[in-house]
Amino acid sequence: MATWLRSARLRMNTTQFSVGEKVVYPNHGVGIIEQISSRTIGSSVERFYLLRIRSSSLKVMVPFHNAEAVGLRRIVKTAEALEILEYLSDGKCESNSDWKNRFKENSDKMRTGSLLDVAIVLKGLLMLAATKPLSFREKKMLERARFLLVTEMAMARTGSEEEAEEELRKALARCKLRWPEASSIEA
């Protein structure tokens, strides 16, 4: 694995967050910290982040002590976004040939909260889709990976989702992969 891939995985910045800050909640996408509150549970006082997921308006309470364990993190920085684009444009990708093992590995990567892991899943599924049809569950995973990449890359690069999609499309085209249109995944 390239050195920049290893370093990108290590930079999951999970220090304290503040109200109004945009964060990523794994497998759900970008959210906004709306409130920081405290609750008494038994004899101890527990602090929580209350965040609203942008895409669904889902509200999630994450205990301070559990934020790192669930993968709550800041949005990737521009340099990390560029590393992800570099990975997508590189022709190399490893994927397990056994469906069950591949699905488990990809599910685990999607849960890490790392945008790089999401990009690895997307690229692996696109390479597989170029040789054979994806299963229903893999199509759903590809759709989720596509959504998570587009929304966070748009935030990281301070552009629109359309601009982020175009950047991702160009990166994948360099290694002869086609960016999945949302309608083609659902079919």
C-alpha atoms as a PDB file:
ATOM      1  CA  MET A   1       0.000   0.000   0.000  1.00  0.00           C
ATOM      2  CA  ALA A   2       1.333   3.433  -0.909  1.00  0.00           C
ATOM      3  CA  THR A   3       2.721   5.572   1.913  1.00  0.00           C
ATOM      4  CA  TRP A   4       0.195   8.331   1.260  1.00  0.00           C
ATOM      5  CA  LEU A   5      -2.648   5.786   1.644  1.00  0.00           C
ATOM      6  CA  ARG A   6      -1.346   4.708   5.042  1.00  0.00           C
ATOM      7  CA  SER A   7      -0.924   8.299   6.176  1.00  0.00           C
ATOM      8  CA  ALA A   8      -4.427   9.243   5.004  1.00  0.00           C
ATOM      9  CA  ARG A   9      -5.898   6.441   7.115  1.00  0.00           C
ATOM     10  CA  LEU A  10      -4.022   7.667  10.178  1.00  0.00           C
ATOM     11  CA  ARG A  11      -5.289  11.247   9.904  1.00  0.00           C
ATOM     12  CA  MET A  12      -8.799  10.686  11.235  1.00  0.00           C
ATOM     13  CA  ASN A  13      -8.882  13.878  13.293  1.00  0.00           C
ATOM     14  CA  THR A  14     -11.284  13.255  16.195  1.00  0.00           C
ATOM     15  CA  THR A  15     -10.478  15.943  18.723  1.00  0.00           C
ATOM     16  CA  GLN A  16     -13.185  18.022  20.377  1.00  0.00           C
ATOM     17  CA  PHE A  17     -15.883  19.418  18.104  1.00  0.00           C
ATOM     18  CA  SER A  18     -17.836  22.628  18.514  1.00  0.00           C
ATOM     19  CA  VAL A  19     -21.417  23.685  17.790  1.00  0.00           C
ATOM     20  CA  GLY A  20     -21.930  24.495  14.102  1.00  0.00           C
ATOM     21  CA  GLU A  21     -18.979  22.378  12.971  1.00  0.00           C
ATOM     22  CA  LYS A  22     -19.449  20.017  10.028  1.00  0.00           C
ATOM     23  CA  VAL A  23     -18.430  16.446  10.812  1.00  0.00           C
ATOM     24  CA  VAL A  24     -18.740  13.018   9.210  1.00  0.00           C
ATOM     25  CA  TYR A  25     -20.727  10.231  10.847  1.00  0.00           C
ATOM     26  CA  PRO A  26     -19.647   6.927   9.239  1.00  0.00           C
ATOM     27  CA  ASN A  27     -21.982   5.417   6.655  1.00  0.00           C
ATOM     28  CA  HIS A  28     -24.401   8.348   7.036  1.00  0.00           C
ATOM     29  CA  GLY A  29     -22.309  11.219   5.724  1.00  0.00           C
ATOM     30  CA  VAL A  30     -21.890  14.851   6.615  1.00  0.00           C
ATOM     31  CA  GLY A  31     -23.622  16.191   9.695  1.00  0.00           C
ATOM     32  CA  ILE A  32     -23.616  19.419  11.674  1.00  0.00           C
ATOM     33  CA  ILE A  33     -23.032  19.591  15.424  1.00  0.00           C
ATOM     34  CA  GLU A  34     -26.193  21.354  16.589  1.00  0.00           C
ATOM     35  CA  GLN A  35     -25.726  21.107  20.317  1.00  0.00           C
ATOM     36  CA  ILE A  36     -23.445  19.876  23.053  1.00  0.00           C
ATOM     37  CA  SER A  37     -25.341  18.709  26.089  1.00  0.00           C
ATOM     38  CA  SER A  38     -24.908  16.825  29.349  1.00  0.00           C
ATOM     39  CA  ARG A  39     -27.059  14.151  30.931  1.00  0.00           C
ATOM     40  CA  THR A  40     -26.813  12.453  34.283  1.00  0.00           C
ATOM     41  CA  ILE A  41     -26.640   8.704  33.893  1.00  0.00           C
ATOM     42  CA  GLY A  42     -26.544   6.970  37.252  1.00  0.00           C
ATOM     43  CA  SER A  43     -23.925   8.764  39.318  1.00  0.00           C
ATOM     44  CA  SER A  44     -21.973  10.227  36.413  1.00  0.00           C
ATOM     45  CA  VAL A  45     -22.524  13.108  34.035  1.00  0.00           C
ATOM     46  CA  GLU A  46     -22.150  12.218  30.360  1.00  0.00           C
ATOM     47  CA  ARG A  47     -21.583  14.809  27.626  1.00  0.00           C
ATOM     48  CA  PHE A  48     -23.069  14.318  24.139  1.00  0.00           C
ATOM     49  CA  TYR A  49     -22.812  15.801  20.683  1.00  0.00           C
ATOM     50  CA  LEU A  50     -26.205  16.223  19.043  1.00  0.00           C
ATOM     51  CA  LEU A  51     -25.721  16.226  15.303  1.00  0.00           C
ATOM     52  CA  ARG A  52     -28.087  16.450  12.370  1.00  0.00           C
ATOM     53  CA  ILE A  53     -27.214  14.458   9.264  1.00  0.00           C
ATOM     54  CA  ARG A  54     -27.554  16.820   6.292  1.00  0.00           C
ATOM     55  CA  SER A  55     -28.951  14.369   3.761  1.00  0.00           C
ATOM     56  CA  SER A  56     -31.729  12.923   5.907  1.00  0.00           C
ATOM     57  CA  SER A  57     -32.214  15.378   8.809  1.00  0.00           C
ATOM     58  CA  LEU A  58     -31.644  12.374  11.070  1.00  0.00           C
ATOM     59  CA  LYS A  59     -30.592  13.478  14.565  1.00  0.00           C
ATOM     60  CA  VAL A  60     -27.894  11.481  16.338  1.00  0.00           C
ATOM     61  CA  MET A  61     -26.570  11.762  19.892  1.00  0.00           C
ATOM     62  CA  VAL A  62     -22.954  10.683  20.233  1.00  0.00           C
ATOM     63  CA  PRO A  63     -21.357  10.471  23.690  1.00  0.00           C
ATOM     64  CA  PHE A  64     -18.031  12.331  23.900  1.00  0.00           C
ATOM     65  CA  HIS A  65     -16.237   9.196  25.091  1.00  0.00           C
ATOM     66  CA  ASN A  66     -17.607   7.198  22.150  1.00  0.00           C
ATOM     67  CA  ALA A  67     -17.026   9.735  19.338  1.00  0.00           C
ATOM     68  CA  GLU A  68     -13.719   8.221  18.233  1.00  0.00           C
ATOM     69  CA  ALA A  69     -14.978   4.632  18.524  1.00  0.00           C
ATOM     70  CA  VAL A  70     -17.928   5.316  16.187  1.00  0.00           C
ATOM     71  CA  GLY A  71     -15.620   7.143  13.769  1.00  0.00           C
ATOM     72  CA  LEU A  72     -16.999  10.673  14.168  1.00  0.00           C
ATOM     73  CA  ARG A  73     -14.463  12.934  12.477  1.00  0.00           C
ATOM     74  CA  ARG A  74     -13.902  16.218  10.730  1.00  0.00           C
ATOM     75  CA  ILE A  75     -14.355  16.535   6.978  1.00  0.00           C
ATOM     76  CA  VAL A  76     -11.208  15.651   5.035  1.00  0.00           C
ATOM     77  CA  LYS A  77      -8.874  18.505   4.213  1.00  0.00           C
ATOM     78  CA  THR A  78      -8.045  19.532   0.639  1.00  0.00           C
ATOM     79  CA  ALA A  79      -4.740  17.622   0.683  1.00  0.00           C
ATOM     80  CA  GLU A  80      -6.523  14.409   1.714  1.00  0.00           C
ATOM     81  CA  ALA A  81      -9.177  14.969  -0.968  1.00  0.00           C
ATOM     82  CA  LEU A  82      -6.396  15.259  -3.545  1.00  0.00           C
ATOM     83  CA  GLU A  83      -4.855  11.997  -2.279  1.00  0.00           C
ATOM     84  CA  ILE A  84      -8.217  10.272  -2.736  1.00  0.00           C
ATOM     85  CA  LEU A  85      -8.478  11.607  -6.290  1.00  0.00           C
ATOM     86  CA  GLU A  86      -4.933  10.329  -6.906  1.00  0.00           C
ATOM     87  CA  TYR A  87      -5.907   6.877  -5.598  1.00  0.00           C
ATOM     88  CA  LEU A  88      -8.993   6.782  -7.828  1.00  0.00           C
ATOM     89  CA  SER A  89      -6.965   7.714 -10.913  1.00  0.00           C
ATOM     90  CA  ASP A  90      -4.309   5.045 -10.187  1.00  0.00           C
ATOM     91  CA  GLY A  91      -5.000   1.781 -12.048  1.00  0.00           C
ATOM     92  CA  LYS A  92      -4.339  -0.470  -9.038  1.00  0.00           C
ATOM     93  CA  CYS A  93      -7.071  -1.981  -6.896  1.00  0.00           C
ATOM     94  CA  GLU A  94      -7.341  -5.158  -4.850  1.00  0.00           C
ATOM     95  CA  SER A  95     -10.624  -6.972  -4.380  1.00  0.00           C
ATOM     96  CA  ASN A  96     -11.505 -10.368  -2.972  1.00  0.00           C
ATOM     97  CA  SER A  97     -12.924 -12.735  -5.590  1.00  0.00           C
ATOM     98  CA  ASP A  98     -15.191 -14.565  -3.121  1.00  0.00           C
ATOM     99  CA  TRP A  99     -18.510 -12.680  -2.891  1.00  0.00           C
ATOM    100  CA  LYS A 100     -19.084 -13.248   0.844  1.00  0.00           C
ATOM    101  CA  ASN A 101     -15.560 -12.247   1.844  1.00  0.00           C
ATOM    102  CA  ARG A 102     -15.586  -9.242  -0.498  1.00  0.00           C
ATOM    103  CA  PHE A 103     -18.927  -8.041   0.857  1.00  0.00           C
ATOM    104  CA  LYS A 104     -17.749  -8.379   4.476  1.00  0.00           C
ATOM    105  CA  GLU A 105     -14.468  -6.562   3.745  1.00  0.00           C
ATOM    106  CA  ASN A 106     -16.310  -3.779   1.932  1.00  0.00           C
ATOM    107  CA  SER A 107     -18.910  -3.477   4.720  1.00  0.00           C
ATOM    108  CA  ASP A 108     -16.116  -3.180   7.281  1.00  0.00           C
ATOM    109  CA  LYS A 109     -14.427  -0.464   5.197  1.00  0.00           C
ATOM    110  CA  MET A 110     -17.675   1.488   4.885  1.00  0.00           C
ATOM    111  CA  ARG A 111     -18.046   1.461   8.691  1.00  0.00           C
ATOM    112  CA  THR A 112     -14.536   2.795   9.414  1.00  0.00           C
ATOM    113  CA  GLY A 113     -15.547   6.354   8.625  1.00  0.00           C
ATOM    114  CA  SER A 114     -12.490   6.851   6.421  1.00  0.00           C
ATOM    115  CA  LEU A 115     -13.268   8.521   3.097  1.00  0.00           C
ATOM    116  CA  LEU A 116     -10.288   6.709   1.636  1.00  0.00           C
ATOM    117  CA  ASP A 117     -11.858   3.368   2.606  1.00  0.00           C
ATOM    118  CA  VAL A 118     -15.097   4.477   0.938  1.00  0.00           C
ATOM    119  CA  ALA A 119     -13.086   5.324  -2.219  1.00  0.00           C
ATOM    120  CA  ILE A 120     -11.443   1.878  -2.078  1.00  0.00           C
ATOM    121  CA  VAL A 121     -14.884   0.229  -1.928  1.00  0.00           C
ATOM    122  CA  LEU A 122     -16.209   2.349  -4.806  1.00  0.00           C
ATOM    123  CA  LYS A 123     -13.213   1.637  -7.032  1.00  0.00           C
ATOM    124  CA  GLY A 124     -13.258  -2.101  -6.272  1.00  0.00           C
ATOM    125  CA  LEU A 125     -16.960  -2.356  -7.072  1.00  0.00           C
ATOM    126  CA  LEU A 126     -16.537  -0.364 -10.292  1.00  0.00           C
ATOM    127  CA  MET A 127     -13.722  -2.668 -11.406  1.00  0.00           C
ATOM    128  CA  LEU A 128     -15.887  -5.675 -10.622  1.00  0.00           C
ATOM    129  CA  ALA A 129     -18.893  -4.150 -12.428  1.00  0.00           C
ATOM    130  CA  ALA A 130     -16.730  -3.790 -15.540  1.00  0.00           C
ATOM    131  CA  THR A 131     -16.408  -7.591 -15.713  1.00  0.00           C
ATOM    132  CA  LYS A 132     -19.781  -8.817 -14.392  1.00  0.00           C
ATOM    133  CA  PRO A 133     -23.083  -7.538 -13.005  1.00  0.00           C
ATOM    134  CA  LEU A 134     -23.095  -6.548  -9.326  1.00  0.00           C
ATOM    135  CA  SER A 135     -25.457  -8.205  -6.861  1.00  0.00           C
ATOM    136  CA  PHE A 136     -28.316  -6.131  -5.450  1.00  0.00           C
ATOM    137  CA  ARG A 137     -26.437  -5.613  -2.156  1.00  0.00           C
ATOM    138  CA  GLU A 138     -23.251  -4.569  -3.943  1.00  0.00           C
ATOM    139  CA  LYS A 139     -25.228  -2.111  -6.100  1.00  0.00           C
ATOM    140  CA  LYS A 140     -26.630  -0.593  -2.893  1.00  0.00           C
ATOM    141  CA  MET A 141     -23.129  -0.382  -1.412  1.00  0.00           C
ATOM    142  CA  LEU A 142     -21.827   1.266  -4.600  1.00  0.00           C
ATOM    143  CA  GLU A 143     -24.676   3.773  -4.437  1.00  0.00           C
ATOM    144  CA  ARG A 144     -23.848   4.553  -0.779  1.00  0.00           C
ATOM    145  CA  ALA A 145     -20.114   4.902  -1.491  1.00  0.00           C
ATOM    146  CA  ARG A 146     -20.883   7.207  -4.427  1.00  0.00           C
ATOM    147  CA  PHE A 147     -23.111   9.398  -2.236  1.00  0.00           C
ATOM    148  CA  LEU A 148     -20.594   9.588   0.634  1.00  0.00           C
ATOM    149  CA  LEU A 149     -17.717  10.468  -1.706  1.00  0.00           C
ATOM    150  CA  VAL A 150     -19.625  13.162  -3.568  1.00  0.00           C
ATOM    151  CA  THR A 151     -21.027  14.900  -0.497  1.00  0.00           C
ATOM    152  CA  GLU A 152     -17.782  14.985   1.465  1.00  0.00           C
ATOM    153  CA  MET A 153     -15.581  15.849  -1.517  1.00  0.00           C
ATOM    154  CA  ALA A 154     -17.903  18.768  -2.273  1.00  0.00           C
ATOM    155  CA  MET A 155     -17.481  20.005   1.306  1.00  0.00           C
ATOM    156  CA  ALA A 156     -13.718  19.430   1.331  1.00  0.00           C
ATOM    157  CA  ARG A 157     -13.144  21.201  -1.951  1.00  0.00           C
ATOM    158  CA  THR A 158     -15.700  23.975  -1.183  1.00  0.00           C
ATOM    159  CA  GLY A 159     -17.522  23.346  -4.425  1.00  0.00           C
ATOM    160  CA  SER A 160     -20.835  21.976  -5.472  1.00  0.00           C
ATOM    161  CA  GLU A 161     -21.738  18.310  -5.608  1.00  0.00           C
ATOM    162  CA  GLU A 162     -21.794  18.556  -9.413  1.00  0.00           C
ATOM    163  CA  GLU A 163     -18.189  19.837  -9.396  1.00  0.00           C
ATOM    164  CA  ALA A 164     -17.155  17.066  -6.999  1.00  0.00           C
ATOM    165  CA  GLU A 165     -18.803  14.471  -9.265  1.00  0.00           C
ATOM    166  CA  GLU A 166     -16.939  15.855 -12.263  1.00  0.00           C
ATOM    167  CA  GLU A 167     -13.597  15.648 -10.405  1.00  0.00           C
ATOM    168  CA  LEU A 168     -14.336  12.056  -9.393  1.00  0.00           C
ATOM    169  CA  ARG A 169     -15.457  11.183 -12.937  1.00  0.00           C
ATOM    170  CA  LYS A 170     -12.197  12.534 -14.391  1.00  0.00           C
ATOM    171  CA  ALA A 171     -10.068  10.705 -11.803  1.00  0.00           C
ATOM    172  CA  LEU A 172     -11.725   7.370 -12.556  1.00  0.00           C
ATOM    173  CA  ALA A 173     -11.522   7.947 -16.320  1.00  0.00           C
ATOM    174  CA  ARG A 174      -7.714   8.088 -16.016  1.00  0.00           C
ATOM    175  CA  CYS A 175      -7.735   4.393 -15.072  1.00  0.00           C
ATOM    176  CA  LYS A 176     -10.465   3.542 -17.588  1.00  0.00           C
ATOM    177  CA  LEU A 177     -13.333   3.305 -15.075  1.00  0.00           C
ATOM    178  CA  ARG A 178     -16.699   4.931 -15.584  1.00  0.00           C
ATOM    179  CA  TRP A 179     -18.261   7.045 -12.826  1.00  0.00           C
ATOM    180  CA  PRO A 180     -21.643   5.510 -11.959  1.00  0.00           C
ATOM    181  CA  GLU A 181     -24.631   7.708 -12.647  1.00  0.00           C
ATOM    182  CA  ALA A 182     -27.148   7.551  -9.794  1.00  0.00           C
ATOM    183  CA  SER A 183     -29.873   6.211 -12.090  1.00  0.00           C
ATOM    184  CA  SER A 184     -27.681   3.400 -13.447  1.00  0.00           C
ATOM    185  CA  ILE A 185     -26.942   2.058  -9.945  1.00  0.00           C
ATOM    186  CA  GLU A 186     -30.594   1.810  -9.023  1.00  0.00           C
ATOM    187  CA  ALA A 187     -31.489  -0.188 -12.154  1.00  0.00           C
END
